[in-house]
Amino acid sequence: KYEFINLGICILGNLIAGNYINFSILEYYNDTTFIDLCKVIMTLITTQDHEELASFKSLCKNSYKIMEDFLKHHSDMIIRRFEPSLTIKVIEFILLGLMTENNNKGR
């Protein structure tokens, strides 16, 4: 299960960080493929049990990296295109990760 989630994260990460495509052209032609892919990957990430996810170091690292890259390059999409419930889950996931990281640094 987690292997496929990690594969999806890597694919989306390469799309976002690789500058392979101008995503504005997709919006111009009303192509929602990229938006749909982002929603699926973000839903997959945010619906996992955080403690279980943390036990897979590579997957956990990739999950937070994709969130960081996504927010850097496509934060407007979260507000304009995601359902409010998914937007809240993404923000909660990021906050939980930040709190976990801060707690681990304090030890």
Foldseek 3Di string as FASTA:
>chain_A
DLVVLLVLLVVLQCVLPVPPDDCVVCVVVVNCPNVVSVLVSLCVVLVDDPVVCVVVVVSVVSSLVSLVSCCVRPVVCLVPPNDPVSSVSSVVVNVVVVVVVVVVVVD
